[in-house]
Amino acid sequence: MSFIRHRRVLLMCALAGILPLILIGVASAIVEPRTYLPVILGPQMLAPTPTAGPAPLGNIPAFRHVITIMMENETIDEILGNSKAPYINRLAQQYAVAANYYGITHPSLPNYIATISGDTQGITGNCNDCFIDAPNIVDQLEGAGKTWKAYMESMPSSCFIGDSTDKNKLYRQKHNPFIYFDSIRNNPARCANIVPFTQFAVDLQANTLPDYVWITPNMCNSIHDCLLETGDAWLQTWVSKILAAPAWQQDGVLFLTFDESDPSNNSSCCVYAVGGHILTLVISPLAKPAYQSQVAYDHYSLLRTIEQAWGMPLLGKASCDCSQPMTDFFPANMAK
């Protein structure tokens, strides 16, 4: 009997040690819920190890509308799988993820400039008076007969130069690449197409969006100065409206990207990109659903993709073999 009692004592002691751990685990799961993506999007698949070689065969459609939204300063693994960004994660699950995509450099402005001109144009910082005389995507769009507008949230007025003067300076010129180009800023007709974001709701409702749309959220909604969940909520409001619009539903594409990663992250790819590993989503009824690409891409690749879609010449480093067009997001038999 003493042997049996001894075993009971040991069992009770073991349970006493294990039960608190179980309860702690349950409590943690309740207090800190997380949204997990499929294993394919886990951190082990998102390591910054760019793939070599050409992108898989595909065919870039001649989109009717191209919409680009540029967010701010987040590394890809700070977003995917993060319960503070449930809407972005739902988009990543439903649409296509460029899981090996990189910013060009740090800080913000040269990334914006590169995305619409194929080069940083010698700009290495955030400056308001570093104007540029160089070819850009507006030259190409107008040459191809395409309409365009750049919608800037919290910008005081069309063609505004400088930062806003509100308390929080929600609009910063450094996130408006179009105003830096002499051929846009000094041309009244062109500059009138750089408009406050309030105009976007008007154009969306009237179904009068131009062929090419650029959207810069303000310093808070871009996640630059505010929390990730703030930017996620802003995207849910506006991306859901975009996806319900004919401009997107009828052969449109939305590129949701970030300018750069955290400034301390210099991970790189593609010869010219050293701006860190960032999230880019390709959201289109023409793209492969629930798709993840491991091909190495950067902002020059994005520019090249738009240029090839519309038969426009390749600007600057977008013409480099290292700046691959994002062909693998679209079926190989996609009609032009």
Foldseek 3Di string as FASTA:
>chain_A
DVVVVVVVVVVVVVCVVVVVVVVVVVVCCVVDPWAADPPCLDPVNLPQDADDDADPFFDQALFQAEEEEAFAAAFANVAHRGRLQVQVNVLLQWFEKASNEFAQADDFQLLLLCLFFVGSQPDDYQDQQQADAHDTNVVQCVVLVFDEAEEEEPDPFQLDGAFDDPPVSQGGCSNPNQSRYCVQSVDVVNSNRHGYNVVVVVCQVVVNHTRYYYYYGTCALSCNPHHPSSVSVVCVVPVVSVCVGPSQQVRYKYKYWYNAHHNVQQRAFLVRGRRHHIIITIDGPQFDTSYYDSHHAYSLLVSLSNCVSSVTDRGHNVPPPSHHHPRNRGHNPDDD
